[in-house]
Amino acid sequence: MKLSFLCPVSDQQINAPVARFNALFTLLILLLFFYIHNLFLIVFLAIDFALRANDMSEYSPLALLSRFIVKSFGIKPKMQNAGPKLFAAKIGYFLCILIIVLGIFRLYTAALVSAGILGLFSFLEAAFGFCMACYIYPHIYKLTYKEPFKE
């Protein structure tokens, strides 16, 4: 089995345009963070990612806004497996916590680099629908489980 095709699978479906708007709003908040350097923006993102990562997107402010926009503009739903998006939300949550910790310890350059990585992932999803989580997951899976895949 090739690792590059391994991706988390869920029995749930997610609307891809909603996920892309979530990524767009994440990117916009990160751009604002780059401009004003306020960690409360990252705390907001961490809470939002935590809600989405724990399958509680009905309480996520960004997901609510994204669903409202998709519905208001009549964008047709395009359903896809929710597994990669849940995993991506966990990565986003981890990166937000990392940014907050680095900011608290005044390691601003490292915090901005971490925010840049999150921003890049968000940009790729928002602009191209490219989910980096599917490319990261196989490597984490390989490190986590004892029996590695043969390529």
N, C-alpha and C. Protein backbone atom coordinates (compact mmCIF):
# COMPACT_ATOMS: atom_id res chain seq x y z
N MET A 1 0.84 -1.17 0.00
CA MET A 1 0.00 0.00 0.00
C MET A 1 0.89 1.24 0.00
N LYS A 2 0.59 2.17 -0.88
CA LYS A 2 1.36 3.40 -0.93
C LYS A 2 0.88 4.36 0.14
N LEU A 3 1.83 4.92 0.88
CA LEU A 3 1.48 5.84 1.95
C LEU A 3 0.84 7.11 1.43
N SER A 4 1.19 7.54 0.25
CA SER A 4 0.68 8.81 -0.25
C SER A 4 -0.83 8.79 -0.46
N PHE A 5 -1.44 7.60 -0.51
CA PHE A 5 -2.87 7.52 -0.73
C PHE A 5 -3.65 7.22 0.54
N LEU A 6 -2.95 7.08 1.64
CA LEU A 6 -3.59 6.80 2.91
C LEU A 6 -4.08 8.11 3.50
N CYS A 7 -5.33 8.17 3.87
CA CYS A 7 -5.89 9.38 4.45
C CYS A 7 -6.94 8.96 5.48
N PRO A 8 -7.14 9.76 6.55
CA PRO A 8 -8.14 9.35 7.53
C PRO A 8 -9.52 9.29 6.90
N VAL A 9 -10.26 8.27 7.25
CA VAL A 9 -11.59 8.07 6.70
C VAL A 9 -12.60 8.14 7.83
N SER A 10 -13.71 8.76 7.56
CA SER A 10 -14.78 8.91 8.54
C SER A 10 -16.08 8.45 7.89
N ASP A 11 -17.04 8.12 8.72
CA ASP A 11 -18.34 7.76 8.17
C ASP A 11 -19.21 9.00 7.96
N GLN A 12 -18.65 10.16 8.24
CA GLN A 12 -19.37 11.42 8.09
C GLN A 12 -18.97 12.11 6.80
N GLN A 13 -19.84 12.99 6.34
CA GLN A 13 -19.58 13.78 5.14
C GLN A 13 -19.55 15.26 5.53
N ILE A 14 -18.79 16.03 4.77
CA ILE A 14 -18.69 17.46 4.99
C ILE A 14 -18.86 18.17 3.66
N ASN A 15 -19.43 19.35 3.70
CA ASN A 15 -19.63 20.14 2.50
C ASN A 15 -18.33 20.87 2.18
N ALA A 16 -17.70 20.54 1.06
CA ALA A 16 -16.39 21.09 0.69
C ALA A 16 -16.38 22.61 0.60
N PRO A 17 -17.40 23.27 0.02
CA PRO A 17 -17.37 24.74 0.00
C PRO A 17 -17.36 25.35 1.41
N VAL A 18 -18.04 24.73 2.35
CA VAL A 18 -18.02 25.22 3.73
C VAL A 18 -16.60 25.10 4.29
N ALA A 19 -15.94 24.00 4.03
CA ALA A 19 -14.57 23.81 4.50
C ALA A 19 -13.63 24.84 3.88
N ARG A 20 -13.85 25.15 2.63
CA ARG A 20 -12.99 26.14 1.97
C ARG A 20 -13.22 27.54 2.54
N PHE A 21 -14.47 27.87 2.86
CA PHE A 21 -14.73 29.16 3.50
C PHE A 21 -14.14 29.19 4.92
N ASN A 22 -14.21 28.07 5.64
CA ASN A 22 -13.55 27.99 6.95
C ASN A 22 -12.07 28.33 6.80
N ALA A 23 -11.44 27.77 5.79
CA ALA A 23 -10.02 28.02 5.56
C ALA A 23 -9.78 29.48 5.19
N LEU A 24 -10.66 30.06 4.40
CA LEU A 24 -10.53 31.47 4.02
C LEU A 24 -10.61 32.37 5.25
N PHE A 25 -11.58 32.12 6.12
CA PHE A 25 -11.71 32.94 7.33
C PHE A 25 -10.53 32.74 8.27
N THR A 26 -10.03 31.52 8.34
CA THR A 26 -8.83 31.26 9.13
C THR A 26 -7.67 32.08 8.59
N LEU A 27 -7.51 32.07 7.28
CA LEU A 27 -6.43 32.84 6.65
C LEU A 27 -6.59 34.33 6.93
N LEU A 28 -7.79 34.85 6.83
CA LEU A 28 -8.02 36.28 7.09
C LEU A 28 -7.69 36.65 8.54
N ILE A 29 -8.06 35.78 9.48
CA ILE A 29 -7.74 36.03 10.89
C ILE A 29 -6.24 35.97 11.10
N LEU A 30 -5.56 35.04 10.44
CA LEU A 30 -4.11 34.96 10.55
C LEU A 30 -3.43 36.19 9.95
N LEU A 31 -3.95 36.70 8.85
CA LEU A 31 -3.39 37.92 8.26
C LEU A 31 -3.56 39.10 9.23
N LEU A 32 -4.70 39.16 9.89
CA LEU A 32 -4.91 40.19 10.90
C LEU A 32 -3.93 40.01 12.06
N PHE A 33 -3.69 38.75 12.44
CA PHE A 33 -2.72 38.47 13.50
C PHE A 33 -1.32 38.94 13.09
N PHE A 34 -0.94 38.71 11.85
CA PHE A 34 0.37 39.17 11.38
C PHE A 34 0.48 40.69 11.48
N TYR A 35 -0.64 41.37 11.29
CA TYR A 35 -0.64 42.82 11.31
C TYR A 35 -0.64 43.40 12.72
N ILE A 36 -1.48 42.86 13.63
CA ILE A 36 -1.62 43.47 14.96
C ILE A 36 -0.97 42.66 16.09
N HIS A 37 -0.54 41.42 15.80
CA HIS A 37 0.16 40.58 16.79
C HIS A 37 -0.62 40.40 18.08
N ASN A 38 -1.91 40.18 17.98
CA ASN A 38 -2.75 39.98 19.16
C ASN A 38 -3.04 38.49 19.32
N LEU A 39 -2.56 37.90 20.41
CA LEU A 39 -2.73 36.46 20.63
C LEU A 39 -4.19 36.05 20.84
N PHE A 40 -5.06 37.00 21.18
CA PHE A 40 -6.47 36.65 21.36
C PHE A 40 -7.09 36.17 20.04
N LEU A 41 -6.57 36.64 18.92
CA LEU A 41 -7.04 36.12 17.63
C LEU A 41 -6.71 34.63 17.50
N ILE A 42 -5.53 34.25 17.96
CA ILE A 42 -5.12 32.85 17.89
C ILE A 42 -5.90 32.02 18.90
N VAL A 43 -6.20 32.60 20.06
CA VAL A 43 -7.04 31.90 21.05
C VAL A 43 -8.42 31.62 20.44
N PHE A 44 -8.98 32.61 19.74
CA PHE A 44 -10.25 32.41 19.05
C PHE A 44 -10.15 31.27 18.04
N LEU A 45 -9.08 31.28 17.24
CA LEU A 45 -8.89 30.21 16.26
C LEU A 45 -8.72 28.85 16.94
N ALA A 46 -7.99 28.83 18.06
CA ALA A 46 -7.78 27.56 18.78
C ALA A 46 -9.11 26.99 19.25
N ILE A 47 -9.97 27.85 19.79
CA ILE A 47 -11.30 27.39 20.24
C ILE A 47 -12.11 26.89 19.06
N ASP A 48 -12.06 27.63 17.96
CA ASP A 48 -12.81 27.23 16.77
C ASP A 48 -12.30 25.90 16.22
N PHE A 49 -10.98 25.74 16.14
CA PHE A 49 -10.41 24.48 15.67
C PHE A 49 -10.75 23.34 16.63
N ALA A 50 -10.72 23.60 17.92
CA ALA A 50 -11.05 22.56 18.90
C ALA A 50 -12.48 22.08 18.71
N LEU A 51 -13.38 23.00 18.47
CA LEU A 51 -14.78 22.61 18.23
C LEU A 51 -14.90 21.75 16.98
N ARG A 52 -14.25 22.18 15.90
CA ARG A 52 -14.34 21.42 14.65
C ARG A 52 -13.60 20.09 14.74
N ALA A 53 -12.47 20.06 15.45
CA ALA A 53 -11.69 18.82 15.57
C ALA A 53 -12.42 17.77 16.40
N ASN A 54 -13.28 18.22 17.30
CA ASN A 54 -14.03 17.30 18.15
C ASN A 54 -15.45 17.09 17.65
N ASP A 55 -15.64 17.33 16.36
CA ASP A 55 -16.91 17.07 15.69
C ASP A 55 -18.07 17.85 16.32
N MET A 56 -17.79 19.09 16.69
CA MET A 56 -18.83 19.98 17.22
C MET A 56 -18.91 21.24 16.37
N SER A 57 -18.85 21.08 15.05
CA SER A 57 -18.81 22.24 14.17
C SER A 57 -20.10 23.05 14.21
N GLU A 58 -21.17 22.47 14.75
CA GLU A 58 -22.42 23.24 14.86
C GLU A 58 -22.26 24.40 15.85
N TYR A 59 -21.20 24.38 16.67
CA TYR A 59 -20.93 25.45 17.63
C TYR A 59 -19.76 26.33 17.18
N SER A 60 -19.11 25.99 16.11
CA SER A 60 -17.96 26.73 15.62
C SER A 60 -18.41 28.02 14.93
N PRO A 61 -17.94 29.18 15.42
CA PRO A 61 -18.34 30.44 14.78
C PRO A 61 -17.96 30.52 13.30
N LEU A 62 -16.77 30.04 12.95
CA LEU A 62 -16.37 30.11 11.55
C LEU A 62 -17.19 29.16 10.68
N ALA A 63 -17.50 27.98 11.20
CA ALA A 63 -18.33 27.04 10.44
C ALA A 63 -19.75 27.58 10.28
N LEU A 64 -20.28 28.21 11.32
CA LEU A 64 -21.62 28.80 11.21
C LEU A 64 -21.63 29.90 10.16
N LEU A 65 -20.62 30.76 10.17
CA LEU A 65 -20.52 31.82 9.17
C LEU A 65 -20.34 31.24 7.77
N SER A 66 -19.52 30.23 7.64
CA SER A 66 -19.28 29.60 6.34
C SER A 66 -20.56 28.97 5.80
N ARG A 67 -21.29 28.25 6.65
CA ARG A 67 -22.55 27.65 6.21
C ARG A 67 -23.55 28.72 5.79
N PHE A 68 -23.60 29.82 6.53
CA PHE A 68 -24.51 30.92 6.20
C PHE A 68 -24.17 31.49 4.82
N ILE A 69 -22.89 31.71 4.55
CA ILE A 69 -22.47 32.28 3.26
C ILE A 69 -22.78 31.31 2.12
N VAL A 70 -22.46 30.04 2.32
CA VAL A 70 -22.73 29.04 1.28
C VAL A 70 -24.22 28.98 0.97
N LYS A 71 -25.03 29.01 2.02
CA LYS A 71 -26.49 28.96 1.83
C LYS A 71 -27.00 30.25 1.18
N SER A 72 -26.49 31.40 1.63
CA SER A 72 -26.95 32.69 1.11
C SER A 72 -26.64 32.88 -0.37
N PHE A 73 -25.48 32.41 -0.80
CA PHE A 73 -25.10 32.54 -2.20
C PHE A 73 -25.55 31.37 -3.05
N GLY A 74 -26.25 30.42 -2.45
CA GLY A 74 -26.77 29.28 -3.21
C GLY A 74 -25.69 28.40 -3.81
N ILE A 75 -24.57 28.30 -3.14
CA ILE A 75 -23.49 27.44 -3.63
C ILE A 75 -23.89 26.00 -3.44
N LYS A 76 -23.79 25.22 -4.51
CA LYS A 76 -24.21 23.82 -4.45
C LYS A 76 -23.30 23.03 -3.52
N PRO A 77 -23.91 22.19 -2.68
CA PRO A 77 -23.09 21.35 -1.79
C PRO A 77 -22.28 20.33 -2.59
N LYS A 78 -21.07 20.12 -2.16
CA LYS A 78 -20.22 19.09 -2.73
C LYS A 78 -19.71 18.29 -1.53
N MET A 79 -20.33 17.17 -1.29
CA MET A 79 -20.03 16.39 -0.10
C MET A 79 -18.76 15.57 -0.31
N GLN A 80 -17.96 15.50 0.76
CA GLN A 80 -16.75 14.68 0.75
C GLN A 80 -16.54 14.12 2.14
N ASN A 81 -15.64 13.17 2.24
CA ASN A 81 -15.38 12.53 3.52
C ASN A 81 -14.85 13.55 4.52
N ALA A 82 -15.36 13.48 5.75
CA ALA A 82 -14.98 14.45 6.78
C ALA A 82 -13.67 14.10 7.47
N GLY A 83 -13.16 12.89 7.31
CA GLY A 83 -11.94 12.47 8.00
C GLY A 83 -10.76 13.40 7.83
N PRO A 84 -10.40 13.74 6.58
CA PRO A 84 -9.26 14.65 6.40
C PRO A 84 -9.48 16.02 7.03
N LYS A 85 -10.70 16.51 6.98
CA LYS A 85 -10.99 17.84 7.54
C LYS A 85 -10.92 17.81 9.06
N LEU A 86 -11.38 16.71 9.67
CA LEU A 86 -11.27 16.58 11.13
C LEU A 86 -9.80 16.51 11.54
N PHE A 87 -9.01 15.78 10.78
CA PHE A 87 -7.58 15.69 11.05
C PHE A 87 -6.92 17.05 10.85
N ALA A 88 -7.30 17.77 9.79
CA ALA A 88 -6.75 19.10 9.53
C ALA A 88 -7.10 20.05 10.67
N ALA A 89 -8.31 19.94 11.22
CA ALA A 89 -8.71 20.78 12.35
C ALA A 89 -7.85 20.47 13.57
N LYS A 90 -7.48 19.21 13.76
CA LYS A 90 -6.60 18.86 14.88
C LYS A 90 -5.21 19.46 14.68
N ILE A 91 -4.72 19.44 13.45
CA ILE A 91 -3.43 20.07 13.16
C ILE A 91 -3.53 21.58 13.41
N GLY A 92 -4.63 22.19 12.96
CA GLY A 92 -4.83 23.62 13.19
C GLY A 92 -4.88 23.95 14.68
N TYR A 93 -5.56 23.11 15.44
CA TYR A 93 -5.63 23.31 16.90
C TYR A 93 -4.24 23.22 17.51
N PHE A 94 -3.49 22.19 17.11
CA PHE A 94 -2.11 22.03 17.62
C PHE A 94 -1.26 23.25 17.29
N LEU A 95 -1.34 23.72 16.05
CA LEU A 95 -0.53 24.87 15.65
C LEU A 95 -0.95 26.14 16.40
N CYS A 96 -2.24 26.30 16.65
CA CYS A 96 -2.70 27.46 17.42
C CYS A 96 -2.17 27.42 18.85
N ILE A 97 -2.22 26.25 19.47
CA ILE A 97 -1.68 26.11 20.82
C ILE A 97 -0.18 26.40 20.81
N LEU A 98 0.51 25.91 19.80
CA LEU A 98 1.94 26.17 19.68
C LEU A 98 2.21 27.67 19.54
N ILE A 99 1.44 28.34 18.72
CA ILE A 99 1.60 29.79 18.53
C ILE A 99 1.36 30.53 19.85
N ILE A 100 0.34 30.14 20.58
CA ILE A 100 0.03 30.78 21.86
C ILE A 100 1.17 30.58 22.85
N VAL A 101 1.66 29.34 22.97
CA VAL A 101 2.76 29.06 23.90
C VAL A 101 4.01 29.83 23.51
N LEU A 102 4.33 29.83 22.23
CA LEU A 102 5.51 30.58 21.76
C LEU A 102 5.35 32.08 22.02
N GLY A 103 4.14 32.58 21.83
CA GLY A 103 3.88 33.99 22.09
C GLY A 103 4.00 34.34 23.56
N ILE A 104 3.50 33.46 24.42
CA ILE A 104 3.60 33.68 25.87
C ILE A 104 5.06 33.74 26.30
N PHE A 105 5.88 32.87 25.72
CA PHE A 105 7.30 32.85 26.05
C PHE A 105 8.12 33.85 25.23
N ARG A 106 7.42 34.73 24.52
CA ARG A 106 8.04 35.81 23.75
C ARG A 106 8.98 35.32 22.66
N LEU A 107 8.66 34.19 22.12
CA LEU A 107 9.41 33.66 20.97
C LEU A 107 8.62 34.03 19.71
N TYR A 108 8.61 35.33 19.44
CA TYR A 108 7.72 35.86 18.42
C TYR A 108 8.04 35.38 17.02
N THR A 109 9.31 35.25 16.70
CA THR A 109 9.67 34.78 15.37
C THR A 109 9.16 33.36 15.15
N ALA A 110 9.35 32.49 16.13
CA ALA A 110 8.86 31.11 16.02
C ALA A 110 7.34 31.08 15.95
N ALA A 111 6.68 31.97 16.71
CA ALA A 111 5.22 32.04 16.67
C ALA A 111 4.74 32.47 15.28
N LEU A 112 5.42 33.45 14.70
CA LEU A 112 5.04 33.92 13.36
C LEU A 112 5.31 32.87 12.29
N VAL A 113 6.38 32.11 12.44
CA VAL A 113 6.66 31.03 11.49
C VAL A 113 5.57 29.96 11.59
N SER A 114 5.19 29.61 12.80
CA SER A 114 4.11 28.62 12.99
C SER A 114 2.80 29.14 12.42
N ALA A 115 2.52 30.42 12.63
CA ALA A 115 1.31 31.02 12.06
C ALA A 115 1.40 31.03 10.53
N GLY A 116 2.61 31.23 10.01
CA GLY A 116 2.80 31.19 8.56
C GLY A 116 2.52 29.82 7.98
N ILE A 117 2.92 28.79 8.69
CA ILE A 117 2.64 27.41 8.24
C ILE A 117 1.14 27.18 8.22
N LEU A 118 0.46 27.59 9.30
CA LEU A 118 -1.00 27.44 9.35
C LEU A 118 -1.65 28.27 8.25
N GLY A 119 -1.12 29.45 8.01
CA GLY A 119 -1.65 30.30 6.95
C GLY A 119 -1.46 29.68 5.57
N LEU A 120 -0.31 29.04 5.36
CA LEU A 120 -0.07 28.37 4.08
C LEU A 120 -1.05 27.23 3.87
N PHE A 121 -1.25 26.42 4.91
CA PHE A 121 -2.21 25.31 4.82
C PHE A 121 -3.62 25.85 4.53
N SER A 122 -3.98 26.94 5.20
CA SER A 122 -5.30 27.53 5.01
C SER A 122 -5.45 28.10 3.59
N PHE A 123 -4.40 28.75 3.11
CA PHE A 123 -4.44 29.30 1.76
C PHE A 123 -4.62 28.20 0.72
N LEU A 124 -3.86 27.11 0.86
CA LEU A 124 -3.97 26.01 -0.10
C LEU A 124 -5.37 25.43 -0.13
N GLU A 125 -5.99 25.29 1.05
CA GLU A 125 -7.36 24.77 1.11
C GLU A 125 -8.35 25.77 0.52
N ALA A 126 -8.22 27.04 0.91
CA ALA A 126 -9.17 28.05 0.45
C ALA A 126 -9.07 28.29 -1.05
N ALA A 127 -7.88 28.39 -1.56
CA ALA A 127 -7.69 28.75 -2.97
C ALA A 127 -7.84 27.58 -3.92
N PHE A 128 -7.33 26.42 -3.52
CA PHE A 128 -7.26 25.29 -4.45
C PHE A 128 -8.00 24.04 -3.99
N GLY A 129 -8.53 24.04 -2.76
CA GLY A 129 -9.16 22.84 -2.23
C GLY A 129 -8.16 21.74 -1.94
N PHE A 130 -6.90 22.14 -1.76
CA PHE A 130 -5.82 21.19 -1.51
C PHE A 130 -5.67 21.01 0.00
N CYS A 131 -5.94 19.79 0.47
CA CYS A 131 -5.87 19.50 1.90
C CYS A 131 -4.52 18.87 2.24
N MET A 132 -3.69 19.64 2.90
CA MET A 132 -2.36 19.16 3.28
C MET A 132 -2.43 18.01 4.28
N ALA A 133 -3.52 17.92 5.02
CA ALA A 133 -3.67 16.86 6.03
C ALA A 133 -3.53 15.47 5.42
N CYS A 134 -4.01 15.31 4.19
CA CYS A 134 -3.91 13.99 3.55
C CYS A 134 -2.47 13.62 3.22
N TYR A 135 -1.61 14.62 3.12
CA TYR A 135 -0.21 14.33 2.83
C TYR A 135 0.63 14.19 4.10
N ILE A 136 0.15 14.77 5.18
CA ILE A 136 0.85 14.67 6.46
C ILE A 136 0.44 13.39 7.20
N TYR A 137 -0.84 13.04 7.11
CA TYR A 137 -1.39 11.92 7.86
C TYR A 137 -0.63 10.60 7.66
N PRO A 138 -0.27 10.21 6.45
CA PRO A 138 0.43 8.93 6.29
C PRO A 138 1.73 8.85 7.06
N HIS A 139 2.43 9.96 7.15
CA HIS A 139 3.71 9.96 7.87
C HIS A 139 3.49 9.85 9.38
N ILE A 140 2.47 10.52 9.87
CA ILE A 140 2.14 10.39 11.29
C ILE A 140 1.65 8.97 11.58
N TYR A 141 0.85 8.43 10.68
CA TYR A 141 0.34 7.07 10.83
C TYR A 141 1.50 6.08 10.86
N LYS A 142 2.46 6.28 9.99
CA LYS A 142 3.62 5.38 9.91
C LYS A 142 4.44 5.44 11.20
N LEU A 143 4.58 6.62 11.79
CA LEU A 143 5.32 6.77 13.04
C LEU A 143 4.54 6.23 14.24
N THR A 144 3.22 6.27 14.15
CA THR A 144 2.37 5.90 15.28
C THR A 144 2.18 4.39 15.40
N TYR A 145 2.05 3.71 14.29
CA TYR A 145 1.77 2.28 14.32
C TYR A 145 3.04 1.47 14.10
N LYS A 146 3.12 0.33 14.76
CA LYS A 146 4.34 -0.47 14.76
C LYS A 146 4.64 -1.10 13.42
N GLU A 147 3.62 -1.56 12.73
CA GLU A 147 3.81 -2.26 11.46
C GLU A 147 3.81 -1.24 10.32
N PRO A 148 4.97 -0.85 9.81
CA PRO A 148 5.00 0.13 8.72
C PRO A 148 4.51 -0.49 7.42
N PHE A 149 4.00 0.35 6.57
CA PHE A 149 3.55 -0.09 5.26
C PHE A 149 4.77 -0.32 4.37
N LYS A 150 4.61 -1.23 3.44
CA LYS A 150 5.65 -1.45 2.43
C LYS A 150 5.23 -0.70 1.19
N GLU A 151 6.15 0.03 0.64
CA GLU A 151 5.83 0.80 -0.58
C GLU A 151 6.27 0.06 -1.80
